[in-house]
Amino acid sequence: MQVRKFTFNPWQENSYVLYDETGECVMVDMGCVSDSDHQELAEFIDDKNLTVKYIINTHLHIDHILGNYKLKETYNVPVLAHENDEFLLENAETYAEQIGFKLQSPPPAIDKYIDEGDEIAVGNFKLQVLHIPGHTPGSLVFYNAEDGMLISGDVLFYESIGRTDLIYGNHAALVKGITSKILGLPETTEVFPGHGPKTTISHEKCSNPFLKHMC
């Protein structure tokens, strides 16, 4: 599995295209909002001659879904996310206005719910779905065991974890989910977060102030 990171929108959100030698790909947390964002993404898809299979979301905060509407129109593929975050779509336009941001179009609905234990098959690779609530009720991470890669959304960052002071946040649940479901993965696993640089399980065990008791 190959990972291409894009950093989009005023929140410096990391969007990912995951692909392999078959040419199939999945788009994760598409935060592209400007014309230049969309052009950069489209040029990559065209240059690599990729076929988009899904748009998937680790969670549905506004900075992670800004590109979903246009990309769904362009590629005509389903949007996958956890059912427990659906309320965030319903309130997205109102929330955007509250922070001084105007959505060009309302975000599309979830086409297929995904949850703990599901697998998303793309080309010759598979993503295991893990449900780790706490940042949002429906926060997910996607793990590719064969290549040792984890797309962690806003659950786990380089030396930090997701905010839990937002609506329905739960710090205890987030830390419990990380320690029970993520920190047991191989220590060499690369972690690709929703903001900031990538990291590894080994580094976070010993250097993350919220988790270093696990070292």
N, C-alpha and C. Protein backbone atom coordinates (compact mmCIF):
# COMPACT_ATOMS: atom_id res chain seq x y z
N MET A 1 0.84 -1.19 0.00
CA MET A 1 0.00 0.00 0.00
C MET A 1 0.88 1.24 0.00
N GLN A 2 0.58 2.17 -0.86
CA GLN A 2 1.26 3.46 -0.92
C GLN A 2 0.38 4.54 -0.29
N VAL A 3 1.00 5.49 0.36
CA VAL A 3 0.27 6.58 1.02
C VAL A 3 0.74 7.92 0.46
N ARG A 4 -0.19 8.70 -0.02
CA ARG A 4 0.12 10.07 -0.47
C ARG A 4 -0.65 11.04 0.41
N LYS A 5 0.09 11.89 1.11
CA LYS A 5 -0.53 12.86 2.01
C LYS A 5 -0.68 14.21 1.32
N PHE A 6 -1.84 14.82 1.52
CA PHE A 6 -2.09 16.20 1.12
C PHE A 6 -2.48 16.97 2.38
N THR A 7 -2.06 18.22 2.48
CA THR A 7 -2.47 19.04 3.62
C THR A 7 -3.31 20.19 3.08
N PHE A 8 -4.58 20.21 3.50
CA PHE A 8 -5.56 21.12 2.93
C PHE A 8 -6.22 22.00 4.01
N ASN A 9 -6.85 23.06 3.55
CA ASN A 9 -7.78 23.94 4.28
C ASN A 9 -7.12 24.70 5.44
N PRO A 10 -7.84 25.69 5.99
CA PRO A 10 -7.25 26.53 7.04
C PRO A 10 -6.83 25.79 8.29
N TRP A 11 -7.36 24.57 8.50
CA TRP A 11 -7.00 23.79 9.69
C TRP A 11 -5.79 22.90 9.45
N GLN A 12 -5.16 23.01 8.27
CA GLN A 12 -3.99 22.19 7.95
C GLN A 12 -4.27 20.70 8.20
N GLU A 13 -5.37 20.27 7.61
CA GLU A 13 -5.83 18.88 7.79
C GLU A 13 -5.14 17.97 6.78
N ASN A 14 -4.74 16.80 7.25
CA ASN A 14 -4.09 15.82 6.38
C ASN A 14 -5.13 14.93 5.70
N SER A 15 -5.14 14.97 4.39
CA SER A 15 -5.98 14.08 3.58
C SER A 15 -5.06 13.05 2.93
N TYR A 16 -5.55 11.83 2.78
CA TYR A 16 -4.71 10.76 2.27
C TYR A 16 -5.35 10.05 1.09
N VAL A 17 -4.52 9.71 0.11
CA VAL A 17 -4.90 8.77 -0.94
C VAL A 17 -4.07 7.51 -0.73
N LEU A 18 -4.76 6.38 -0.56
CA LEU A 18 -4.11 5.09 -0.37
C LEU A 18 -4.32 4.28 -1.65
N TYR A 19 -3.24 3.71 -2.18
CA TYR A 19 -3.33 3.03 -3.46
C TYR A 19 -2.27 1.95 -3.56
N ASP A 20 -2.37 1.10 -4.59
CA ASP A 20 -1.34 0.10 -4.81
C ASP A 20 -1.12 -0.11 -6.30
N GLU A 21 -0.41 -1.17 -6.64
CA GLU A 21 -0.01 -1.41 -8.03
C GLU A 21 -1.19 -1.73 -8.96
N THR A 22 -2.36 -2.02 -8.39
CA THR A 22 -3.52 -2.31 -9.23
C THR A 22 -4.13 -1.04 -9.81
N GLY A 23 -3.80 0.11 -9.21
CA GLY A 23 -4.38 1.38 -9.64
C GLY A 23 -5.65 1.76 -8.91
N GLU A 24 -6.15 0.87 -8.04
CA GLU A 24 -7.31 1.24 -7.22
C GLU A 24 -6.84 2.08 -6.03
N CYS A 25 -7.72 3.00 -5.61
CA CYS A 25 -7.36 3.84 -4.46
C CYS A 25 -8.59 4.17 -3.64
N VAL A 26 -8.33 4.62 -2.43
CA VAL A 26 -9.38 5.12 -1.55
C VAL A 26 -8.93 6.48 -1.03
N MET A 27 -9.86 7.41 -0.95
CA MET A 27 -9.59 8.74 -0.42
C MET A 27 -10.03 8.80 1.03
N VAL A 28 -9.16 9.30 1.89
CA VAL A 28 -9.45 9.34 3.33
C VAL A 28 -9.44 10.77 3.84
N ASP A 29 -10.54 11.18 4.47
CA ASP A 29 -10.64 12.49 5.12
C ASP A 29 -10.31 13.63 4.16
N MET A 30 -11.12 13.75 3.14
CA MET A 30 -10.85 14.73 2.09
C MET A 30 -11.23 16.15 2.52
N GLY A 31 -10.23 16.89 2.96
CA GLY A 31 -10.46 18.26 3.44
C GLY A 31 -10.23 19.33 2.39
N CYS A 32 -10.10 18.92 1.12
CA CYS A 32 -9.83 19.90 0.05
C CYS A 32 -11.01 20.85 -0.10
N VAL A 33 -10.72 22.15 -0.18
CA VAL A 33 -11.80 23.13 -0.25
C VAL A 33 -11.60 24.15 -1.36
N SER A 34 -10.37 24.57 -1.62
CA SER A 34 -10.12 25.58 -2.65
C SER A 34 -9.96 24.93 -4.01
N ASP A 35 -10.03 25.74 -5.05
CA ASP A 35 -9.82 25.22 -6.40
C ASP A 35 -8.42 24.62 -6.53
N SER A 36 -7.43 25.26 -5.91
CA SER A 36 -6.07 24.74 -6.00
C SER A 36 -5.92 23.41 -5.26
N ASP A 37 -6.66 23.26 -4.15
CA ASP A 37 -6.67 21.98 -3.44
C ASP A 37 -7.17 20.87 -4.36
N HIS A 38 -8.32 21.13 -4.98
CA HIS A 38 -8.94 20.12 -5.84
C HIS A 38 -8.08 19.83 -7.06
N GLN A 39 -7.43 20.86 -7.59
CA GLN A 39 -6.58 20.66 -8.76
C GLN A 39 -5.37 19.79 -8.39
N GLU A 40 -4.76 20.06 -7.25
CA GLU A 40 -3.61 19.27 -6.82
C GLU A 40 -3.99 17.80 -6.67
N LEU A 41 -5.13 17.55 -6.07
CA LEU A 41 -5.59 16.18 -5.89
C LEU A 41 -5.90 15.51 -7.22
N ALA A 42 -6.62 16.20 -8.08
CA ALA A 42 -7.00 15.64 -9.38
C ALA A 42 -5.78 15.33 -10.24
N GLU A 43 -4.79 16.20 -10.19
CA GLU A 43 -3.57 15.96 -10.97
C GLU A 43 -2.85 14.70 -10.49
N PHE A 44 -2.85 14.49 -9.19
CA PHE A 44 -2.21 13.28 -8.67
C PHE A 44 -2.96 12.03 -9.13
N ILE A 45 -4.30 12.06 -9.01
CA ILE A 45 -5.11 10.91 -9.43
C ILE A 45 -4.90 10.62 -10.92
N ASP A 46 -4.87 11.67 -11.72
CA ASP A 46 -4.67 11.49 -13.17
C ASP A 46 -3.26 11.00 -13.50
N ASP A 47 -2.26 11.60 -12.85
CA ASP A 47 -0.87 11.23 -13.14
C ASP A 47 -0.60 9.77 -12.80
N LYS A 48 -1.20 9.29 -11.72
CA LYS A 48 -1.01 7.90 -11.30
C LYS A 48 -2.02 6.96 -11.98
N ASN A 49 -2.94 7.55 -12.76
CA ASN A 49 -3.97 6.75 -13.44
C ASN A 49 -4.74 5.88 -12.45
N LEU A 50 -5.20 6.51 -11.37
CA LEU A 50 -5.88 5.79 -10.30
C LEU A 50 -7.38 5.74 -10.50
N THR A 51 -7.97 4.68 -10.02
CA THR A 51 -9.43 4.52 -10.00
C THR A 51 -9.89 4.63 -8.56
N VAL A 52 -10.70 5.64 -8.26
CA VAL A 52 -11.18 5.86 -6.90
C VAL A 52 -12.31 4.88 -6.60
N LYS A 53 -12.16 4.16 -5.49
CA LYS A 53 -13.18 3.17 -5.12
C LYS A 53 -14.12 3.67 -4.02
N TYR A 54 -13.57 4.38 -3.04
CA TYR A 54 -14.37 4.89 -1.92
C TYR A 54 -13.82 6.24 -1.46
N ILE A 55 -14.70 7.01 -0.81
CA ILE A 55 -14.31 8.12 0.05
C ILE A 55 -14.62 7.65 1.47
N ILE A 56 -13.62 7.59 2.35
CA ILE A 56 -13.86 7.12 3.71
C ILE A 56 -13.43 8.19 4.70
N ASN A 57 -14.09 8.21 5.85
CA ASN A 57 -13.80 9.21 6.87
C ASN A 57 -13.49 8.56 8.20
N THR A 58 -12.41 9.05 8.84
CA THR A 58 -12.13 8.63 10.21
C THR A 58 -13.17 9.20 11.16
N HIS A 59 -13.65 10.41 10.86
CA HIS A 59 -14.73 11.04 11.62
C HIS A 59 -15.26 12.18 10.77
N LEU A 60 -16.31 12.85 11.25
CA LEU A 60 -17.01 13.79 10.38
C LEU A 60 -16.96 15.23 10.86
N HIS A 61 -15.90 15.62 11.54
CA HIS A 61 -15.69 17.05 11.80
C HIS A 61 -15.50 17.78 10.47
N ILE A 62 -15.87 19.02 10.46
CA ILE A 62 -15.99 19.77 9.21
C ILE A 62 -14.68 19.83 8.42
N ASP A 63 -13.54 19.92 9.11
CA ASP A 63 -12.27 20.04 8.39
C ASP A 63 -11.88 18.76 7.65
N HIS A 64 -12.55 17.66 7.97
CA HIS A 64 -12.26 16.38 7.33
C HIS A 64 -13.26 16.01 6.22
N ILE A 65 -14.26 16.82 6.00
CA ILE A 65 -15.30 16.46 5.03
C ILE A 65 -15.52 17.52 3.96
N LEU A 66 -14.71 18.57 3.96
CA LEU A 66 -14.96 19.69 3.06
C LEU A 66 -14.95 19.29 1.59
N GLY A 67 -14.18 18.29 1.22
CA GLY A 67 -14.09 17.89 -0.18
C GLY A 67 -15.08 16.82 -0.60
N ASN A 68 -15.83 16.27 0.36
CA ASN A 68 -16.66 15.10 0.05
C ASN A 68 -17.70 15.36 -1.04
N TYR A 69 -18.34 16.52 -0.99
CA TYR A 69 -19.42 16.79 -1.94
C TYR A 69 -18.90 16.79 -3.38
N LYS A 70 -17.87 17.57 -3.63
CA LYS A 70 -17.35 17.69 -5.00
C LYS A 70 -16.72 16.38 -5.48
N LEU A 71 -16.02 15.69 -4.58
CA LEU A 71 -15.37 14.46 -4.97
C LEU A 71 -16.37 13.34 -5.24
N LYS A 72 -17.44 13.32 -4.48
CA LYS A 72 -18.49 12.33 -4.74
C LYS A 72 -19.13 12.60 -6.10
N GLU A 73 -19.36 13.86 -6.40
CA GLU A 73 -19.89 14.22 -7.72
C GLU A 73 -18.94 13.82 -8.84
N THR A 74 -17.65 14.06 -8.62
CA THR A 74 -16.65 13.83 -9.66
C THR A 74 -16.42 12.35 -9.93
N TYR A 75 -16.30 11.56 -8.87
CA TYR A 75 -15.91 10.16 -9.02
C TYR A 75 -17.06 9.17 -8.83
N ASN A 76 -18.21 9.67 -8.37
CA ASN A 76 -19.41 8.83 -8.23
C ASN A 76 -19.13 7.56 -7.42
N VAL A 77 -18.57 7.75 -6.23
CA VAL A 77 -18.25 6.62 -5.35
C VAL A 77 -18.93 6.84 -4.00
N PRO A 78 -19.14 5.76 -3.23
CA PRO A 78 -19.82 5.90 -1.93
C PRO A 78 -18.92 6.52 -0.86
N VAL A 79 -19.59 7.20 0.07
CA VAL A 79 -18.94 7.76 1.26
C VAL A 79 -19.17 6.79 2.41
N LEU A 80 -18.06 6.41 3.09
CA LEU A 80 -18.12 5.47 4.20
C LEU A 80 -17.70 6.16 5.49
N ALA A 81 -18.48 5.95 6.56
CA ALA A 81 -18.14 6.53 7.87
C ALA A 81 -18.97 5.81 8.93
N HIS A 82 -18.71 6.14 10.19
CA HIS A 82 -19.43 5.52 11.30
C HIS A 82 -20.77 6.22 11.53
N GLU A 83 -21.78 5.44 11.81
CA GLU A 83 -23.14 5.97 12.01
C GLU A 83 -23.20 6.97 13.15
N ASN A 84 -22.38 6.79 14.18
CA ASN A 84 -22.47 7.65 15.36
C ASN A 84 -22.03 9.09 15.12
N ASP A 85 -21.41 9.34 13.98
CA ASP A 85 -21.00 10.71 13.65
C ASP A 85 -21.97 11.39 12.68
N GLU A 86 -23.04 10.73 12.33
CA GLU A 86 -23.96 11.28 11.33
C GLU A 86 -24.53 12.64 11.75
N PHE A 87 -24.70 12.84 13.04
CA PHE A 87 -25.25 14.11 13.53
C PHE A 87 -24.35 15.29 13.15
N LEU A 88 -23.06 15.04 12.98
CA LEU A 88 -22.14 16.12 12.61
C LEU A 88 -22.39 16.60 11.18
N LEU A 89 -22.82 15.71 10.31
CA LEU A 89 -23.20 16.13 8.95
C LEU A 89 -24.43 17.01 8.99
N GLU A 90 -25.38 16.64 9.80
CA GLU A 90 -26.65 17.37 9.88
C GLU A 90 -26.45 18.79 10.37
N ASN A 91 -25.40 19.01 11.15
CA ASN A 91 -25.15 20.34 11.73
C ASN A 91 -23.96 21.05 11.09
N ALA A 92 -23.44 20.50 10.00
CA ALA A 92 -22.19 21.02 9.42
C ALA A 92 -22.32 22.46 8.95
N GLU A 93 -23.41 22.78 8.26
CA GLU A 93 -23.56 24.14 7.73
C GLU A 93 -23.69 25.16 8.85
N THR A 94 -24.44 24.81 9.89
CA THR A 94 -24.60 25.72 11.03
C THR A 94 -23.27 25.93 11.74
N TYR A 95 -22.53 24.84 11.94
CA TYR A 95 -21.24 24.95 12.62
C TYR A 95 -20.27 25.78 11.79
N ALA A 96 -20.29 25.59 10.49
CA ALA A 96 -19.39 26.36 9.61
C ALA A 96 -19.67 27.85 9.74
N GLU A 97 -20.92 28.24 9.76
CA GLU A 97 -21.29 29.65 9.91
C GLU A 97 -20.82 30.21 11.24
N GLN A 98 -20.88 29.40 12.27
CA GLN A 98 -20.49 29.85 13.61
C GLN A 98 -19.00 30.17 13.69
N ILE A 99 -18.20 29.52 12.85
CA ILE A 99 -16.76 29.78 12.86
C ILE A 99 -16.34 30.65 11.67
N GLY A 100 -17.33 31.25 11.01
CA GLY A 100 -17.05 32.19 9.94
C GLY A 100 -16.64 31.56 8.64
N PHE A 101 -17.12 30.34 8.39
CA PHE A 101 -16.75 29.61 7.19
C PHE A 101 -18.01 29.26 6.41
N LYS A 102 -18.02 29.54 5.12
CA LYS A 102 -19.20 29.29 4.30
C LYS A 102 -18.99 28.04 3.45
N LEU A 103 -19.84 27.03 3.66
CA LEU A 103 -19.77 25.83 2.84
C LEU A 103 -20.36 26.12 1.46
N GLN A 104 -19.67 25.70 0.41
CA GLN A 104 -20.18 25.91 -0.94
C GLN A 104 -21.36 24.99 -1.23
N SER A 105 -21.35 23.80 -0.63
CA SER A 105 -22.43 22.83 -0.78
C SER A 105 -22.54 22.02 0.50
N PRO A 106 -23.71 21.54 0.86
CA PRO A 106 -23.84 20.70 2.05
C PRO A 106 -23.10 19.38 1.84
N PRO A 107 -22.52 18.82 2.88
CA PRO A 107 -21.80 17.56 2.72
C PRO A 107 -22.76 16.42 2.38
N PRO A 108 -22.32 15.47 1.57
CA PRO A 108 -23.20 14.35 1.22
C PRO A 108 -23.43 13.43 2.40
N ALA A 109 -24.52 12.68 2.34
CA ALA A 109 -24.85 11.71 3.39
C ALA A 109 -23.88 10.53 3.35
N ILE A 110 -23.84 9.79 4.44
CA ILE A 110 -23.08 8.55 4.47
C ILE A 110 -23.81 7.52 3.62
N ASP A 111 -23.12 6.91 2.69
CA ASP A 111 -23.72 5.87 1.85
C ASP A 111 -23.67 4.50 2.50
N LYS A 112 -22.61 4.26 3.28
CA LYS A 112 -22.47 2.96 3.93
C LYS A 112 -21.81 3.16 5.29
N TYR A 113 -22.44 2.60 6.33
CA TYR A 113 -21.85 2.66 7.66
C TYR A 113 -20.75 1.61 7.79
N ILE A 114 -19.67 1.99 8.45
CA ILE A 114 -18.61 1.05 8.76
C ILE A 114 -18.33 1.10 10.25
N ASP A 115 -17.84 -0.03 10.79
CA ASP A 115 -17.69 -0.13 12.24
C ASP A 115 -16.57 -1.12 12.57
N GLU A 116 -16.30 -1.24 13.85
CA GLU A 116 -15.30 -2.16 14.36
C GLU A 116 -15.43 -3.54 13.73
N GLY A 117 -14.31 -4.07 13.26
CA GLY A 117 -14.30 -5.41 12.69
C GLY A 117 -14.50 -5.47 11.20
N ASP A 118 -14.96 -4.38 10.59
CA ASP A 118 -15.12 -4.37 9.13
C ASP A 118 -13.75 -4.31 8.46
N GLU A 119 -13.71 -4.76 7.21
CA GLU A 119 -12.52 -4.63 6.38
C GLU A 119 -12.91 -3.92 5.08
N ILE A 120 -12.07 -3.00 4.66
CA ILE A 120 -12.28 -2.29 3.41
C ILE A 120 -11.22 -2.79 2.43
N ALA A 121 -11.67 -3.46 1.37
CA ALA A 121 -10.75 -4.02 0.39
C ALA A 121 -10.57 -3.03 -0.76
N VAL A 122 -9.32 -2.73 -1.07
CA VAL A 122 -8.98 -1.81 -2.15
C VAL A 122 -7.78 -2.41 -2.89
N GLY A 123 -7.94 -2.69 -4.16
CA GLY A 123 -6.86 -3.33 -4.88
C GLY A 123 -6.45 -4.62 -4.19
N ASN A 124 -5.16 -4.75 -3.90
CA ASN A 124 -4.66 -5.94 -3.22
C ASN A 124 -4.42 -5.72 -1.73
N PHE A 125 -4.88 -4.60 -1.17
CA PHE A 125 -4.69 -4.37 0.26
C PHE A 125 -6.03 -4.24 0.97
N LYS A 126 -5.99 -4.43 2.28
CA LYS A 126 -7.18 -4.32 3.10
C LYS A 126 -6.92 -3.39 4.28
N LEU A 127 -7.95 -2.65 4.64
CA LEU A 127 -7.91 -1.79 5.82
C LEU A 127 -8.83 -2.36 6.88
N GLN A 128 -8.28 -2.64 8.04
CA GLN A 128 -9.10 -3.08 9.17
C GLN A 128 -9.66 -1.84 9.86
N VAL A 129 -10.93 -1.88 10.19
CA VAL A 129 -11.60 -0.75 10.83
C VAL A 129 -11.64 -0.95 12.34
N LEU A 130 -11.13 0.02 13.08
CA LEU A 130 -11.19 0.02 14.54
C LEU A 130 -11.97 1.24 14.99
N HIS A 131 -12.91 1.05 15.90
CA HIS A 131 -13.74 2.14 16.42
C HIS A 131 -13.14 2.61 17.75
N ILE A 132 -12.71 3.88 17.78
CA ILE A 132 -12.11 4.44 18.98
C ILE A 132 -12.78 5.78 19.29
N PRO A 133 -13.92 5.76 19.96
CA PRO A 133 -14.62 7.01 20.29
C PRO A 133 -13.87 7.81 21.34
N GLY A 134 -14.26 9.07 21.45
CA GLY A 134 -13.65 9.95 22.45
C GLY A 134 -13.40 11.33 21.87
N HIS A 135 -12.81 11.38 20.66
CA HIS A 135 -12.72 12.66 19.95
C HIS A 135 -14.08 13.00 19.38
N THR A 136 -14.69 12.04 18.73
CA THR A 136 -16.11 12.08 18.36
C THR A 136 -16.68 10.69 18.68
N PRO A 137 -18.01 10.57 18.76
CA PRO A 137 -18.59 9.26 19.05
C PRO A 137 -18.29 8.20 18.00
N GLY A 138 -18.08 8.63 16.76
CA GLY A 138 -17.87 7.67 15.68
C GLY A 138 -16.46 7.63 15.15
N SER A 139 -15.48 8.07 15.91
CA SER A 139 -14.10 8.10 15.42
C SER A 139 -13.59 6.70 15.10
N LEU A 140 -12.98 6.57 13.92
CA LEU A 140 -12.42 5.32 13.45
C LEU A 140 -10.94 5.51 13.12
N VAL A 141 -10.19 4.40 13.13
CA VAL A 141 -8.85 4.37 12.56
C VAL A 141 -8.81 3.20 11.59
N PHE A 142 -7.90 3.27 10.63
CA PHE A 142 -7.80 2.25 9.58
C PHE A 142 -6.39 1.67 9.58
N TYR A 143 -6.31 0.34 9.75
CA TYR A 143 -5.02 -0.34 9.91
C TYR A 143 -4.76 -1.30 8.77
N ASN A 144 -3.59 -1.14 8.15
CA ASN A 144 -3.13 -2.08 7.14
C ASN A 144 -2.00 -2.90 7.75
N ALA A 145 -2.32 -4.15 8.11
CA ALA A 145 -1.36 -4.98 8.83
C ALA A 145 -0.18 -5.38 7.96
N GLU A 146 -0.42 -5.69 6.71
CA GLU A 146 0.63 -6.20 5.84
C GLU A 146 1.77 -5.20 5.68
N ASP A 147 1.42 -3.92 5.55
CA ASP A 147 2.44 -2.90 5.36
C ASP A 147 2.75 -2.11 6.63
N GLY A 148 2.06 -2.42 7.72
CA GLY A 148 2.35 -1.76 8.99
C GLY A 148 2.05 -0.29 8.99
N MET A 149 0.83 0.07 8.56
CA MET A 149 0.44 1.47 8.48
C MET A 149 -0.92 1.69 9.14
N LEU A 150 -1.04 2.78 9.88
CA LEU A 150 -2.29 3.13 10.56
C LEU A 150 -2.67 4.55 10.20
N ILE A 151 -3.89 4.73 9.68
CA ILE A 151 -4.45 6.06 9.45
C ILE A 151 -5.26 6.39 10.70
N SER A 152 -4.78 7.35 11.49
CA SER A 152 -5.33 7.53 12.84
C SER A 152 -6.30 8.70 12.98
N GLY A 153 -6.53 9.47 11.92
CA GLY A 153 -7.46 10.59 12.04
C GLY A 153 -7.06 11.51 13.17
N ASP A 154 -8.05 11.94 13.96
CA ASP A 154 -7.77 12.81 15.10
C ASP A 154 -7.80 12.04 16.42
N VAL A 155 -7.56 10.73 16.34
CA VAL A 155 -7.45 9.91 17.55
C VAL A 155 -6.06 10.05 18.16
N LEU A 156 -5.03 9.83 17.33
CA LEU A 156 -3.66 9.85 17.81
C LEU A 156 -2.79 10.70 16.90
N PHE A 157 -2.04 11.62 17.50
CA PHE A 157 -1.12 12.49 16.79
C PHE A 157 0.32 12.24 17.25
N TYR A 158 1.25 12.90 16.57
CA TYR A 158 2.64 12.92 17.04
C TYR A 158 2.68 13.58 18.41
N GLU A 159 2.98 12.79 19.44
CA GLU A 159 3.11 13.25 20.82
C GLU A 159 1.87 13.95 21.36
N SER A 160 0.71 13.54 20.87
CA SER A 160 -0.54 14.10 21.40
C SER A 160 -1.69 13.17 21.04
N ILE A 161 -2.87 13.52 21.51
CA ILE A 161 -4.09 12.79 21.17
C ILE A 161 -5.17 13.80 20.79
N GLY A 162 -6.30 13.30 20.32
CA GLY A 162 -7.37 14.18 19.86
C GLY A 162 -8.01 14.99 20.98
N ARG A 163 -8.54 16.13 20.59
CA ARG A 163 -9.28 16.97 21.55
C ARG A 163 -10.52 16.23 22.05
N THR A 164 -10.84 16.44 23.31
CA THR A 164 -12.04 15.85 23.87
C THR A 164 -12.94 16.89 24.52
N ASP A 165 -12.66 18.18 24.25
CA ASP A 165 -13.46 19.25 24.82
C ASP A 165 -14.57 19.70 23.87
N LEU A 166 -14.72 19.02 22.75
CA LEU A 166 -15.78 19.32 21.80
C LEU A 166 -17.02 18.50 22.13
N ILE A 167 -18.11 18.70 21.39
CA ILE A 167 -19.37 18.05 21.71
C ILE A 167 -19.22 16.52 21.72
N TYR A 168 -19.70 15.91 22.80
CA TYR A 168 -19.66 14.46 23.01
C TYR A 168 -18.24 13.91 23.10
N GLY A 169 -17.26 14.76 23.40
CA GLY A 169 -15.91 14.27 23.62
C GLY A 169 -15.82 13.51 24.93
N ASN A 170 -14.87 12.57 25.00
CA ASN A 170 -14.73 11.75 26.21
C ASN A 170 -13.25 11.35 26.34
N HIS A 171 -12.54 12.02 27.21
CA HIS A 171 -11.10 11.79 27.34
C HIS A 171 -10.78 10.37 27.78
N ALA A 172 -11.50 9.89 28.79
CA ALA A 172 -11.23 8.55 29.31
C ALA A 172 -11.45 7.48 28.24
N ALA A 173 -12.52 7.63 27.47
CA ALA A 173 -12.80 6.66 26.42
C ALA A 173 -11.73 6.69 25.33
N LEU A 174 -11.24 7.90 25.00
CA LEU A 174 -10.22 8.02 23.97
C LEU A 174 -8.92 7.34 24.41
N VAL A 175 -8.46 7.64 25.61
CA VAL A 175 -7.22 7.04 26.10
C VAL A 175 -7.36 5.52 26.21
N LYS A 176 -8.50 5.06 26.69
CA LYS A 176 -8.74 3.62 26.80
C LYS A 176 -8.69 2.95 25.43
N GLY A 177 -9.32 3.58 24.44
CA GLY A 177 -9.33 3.01 23.10
C GLY A 177 -7.94 2.95 22.49
N ILE A 178 -7.16 4.02 22.68
CA ILE A 178 -5.80 4.05 22.14
C ILE A 178 -4.95 2.96 22.79
N THR A 179 -5.00 2.87 24.11
CA THR A 179 -4.14 1.92 24.81
C THR A 179 -4.56 0.48 24.53
N SER A 180 -5.85 0.22 24.39
CA SER A 180 -6.30 -1.16 24.22
C SER A 180 -6.29 -1.63 22.77
N LYS A 181 -6.41 -0.70 21.82
CA LYS A 181 -6.54 -1.11 20.41
C LYS A 181 -5.38 -0.68 19.52
N ILE A 182 -4.67 0.37 19.88
CA ILE A 182 -3.60 0.87 19.01
C ILE A 182 -2.22 0.53 19.54
N LEU A 183 -1.98 0.72 20.82
CA LEU A 183 -0.63 0.55 21.34
C LEU A 183 -0.16 -0.90 21.35
N GLY A 184 -1.09 -1.84 21.13
CA GLY A 184 -0.71 -3.24 21.02
C GLY A 184 -0.28 -3.63 19.62
N LEU A 185 -0.41 -2.72 18.66
CA LEU A 185 0.05 -3.00 17.30
C LEU A 185 1.58 -3.05 17.28
N PRO A 186 2.18 -3.66 16.26
CA PRO A 186 3.65 -3.69 16.20
C PRO A 186 4.26 -2.31 16.36
N GLU A 187 5.34 -2.23 17.11
CA GLU A 187 5.92 -0.93 17.45
C GLU A 187 6.45 -0.18 16.23
N THR A 188 6.75 -0.90 15.15
CA THR A 188 7.24 -0.25 13.94
C THR A 188 6.12 0.32 13.07
N THR A 189 4.87 0.11 13.48
CA THR A 189 3.73 0.61 12.70
C THR A 189 3.84 2.12 12.51
N GLU A 190 3.74 2.57 11.26
CA GLU A 190 3.73 4.00 10.97
C GLU A 190 2.32 4.54 11.18
N VAL A 191 2.23 5.68 11.83
CA VAL A 191 0.95 6.30 12.15
C VAL A 191 0.82 7.59 11.35
N PHE A 192 -0.25 7.68 10.55
CA PHE A 192 -0.51 8.85 9.71
C PHE A 192 -1.73 9.58 10.29
N PRO A 193 -1.50 10.69 11.00
CA PRO A 193 -2.60 11.37 11.70
C PRO A 193 -3.33 12.40 10.85
N GLY A 194 -4.41 12.91 11.42
CA GLY A 194 -5.23 13.89 10.73
C GLY A 194 -4.64 15.29 10.68
N HIS A 195 -3.64 15.55 11.49
CA HIS A 195 -2.93 16.83 11.48
C HIS A 195 -1.49 16.54 11.91
N GLY A 196 -0.55 17.29 11.36
CA GLY A 196 0.83 17.18 11.79
C GLY A 196 1.58 16.02 11.15
N PRO A 197 2.82 15.79 11.63
CA PRO A 197 3.69 14.78 11.01
C PRO A 197 3.31 13.37 11.41
N LYS A 198 3.81 12.41 10.64
CA LYS A 198 3.58 11.01 10.97
C LYS A 198 4.46 10.61 12.15
N THR A 199 4.14 9.47 12.74
CA THR A 199 4.88 8.98 13.89
C THR A 199 4.87 7.46 13.86
N THR A 200 5.28 6.83 14.96
CA THR A 200 5.25 5.38 15.07
C THR A 200 4.65 4.99 16.42
N ILE A 201 4.20 3.75 16.51
CA ILE A 201 3.68 3.25 17.79
C ILE A 201 4.77 3.32 18.85
N SER A 202 5.98 2.91 18.51
CA SER A 202 7.08 2.92 19.47
C SER A 202 7.32 4.31 20.03
N HIS A 203 7.34 5.31 19.17
CA HIS A 203 7.59 6.68 19.62
C HIS A 203 6.50 7.15 20.56
N GLU A 204 5.25 6.87 20.21
CA GLU A 204 4.15 7.37 21.05
C GLU A 204 4.10 6.69 22.40
N LYS A 205 4.48 5.43 22.46
CA LYS A 205 4.50 4.74 23.75
C LYS A 205 5.42 5.43 24.75
N CYS A 206 6.53 5.94 24.26
CA CYS A 206 7.55 6.49 25.16
C CYS A 206 7.59 8.01 25.21
N SER A 207 7.00 8.69 24.22
CA SER A 207 7.14 10.14 24.14
C SER A 207 5.83 10.91 24.21
N ASN A 208 4.72 10.23 24.09
CA ASN A 208 3.42 10.91 24.16
C ASN A 208 3.06 11.13 25.63
N PRO A 209 2.89 12.37 26.05
CA PRO A 209 2.62 12.63 27.48
C PRO A 209 1.33 12.01 28.00
N PHE A 210 0.42 11.69 27.09
CA PHE A 210 -0.83 11.06 27.49
C PHE A 210 -0.70 9.55 27.59
N LEU A 211 0.40 8.99 27.03
CA LEU A 211 0.51 7.54 26.89
C LEU A 211 1.83 6.97 27.34
N LYS A 212 2.80 7.78 27.74
CA LYS A 212 4.16 7.28 27.94
C LYS A 212 4.28 6.31 29.11
N HIS A 213 3.24 6.19 29.89
CA HIS A 213 3.26 5.16 30.94
C HIS A 213 3.28 3.77 30.33
N MET A 214 3.03 3.68 29.01
CA MET A 214 3.01 2.39 28.32
C MET A 214 4.40 1.96 27.88
N CYS A 215 5.39 2.84 28.00
CA CYS A 215 6.74 2.54 27.50
C CYS A 215 7.40 1.42 28.31
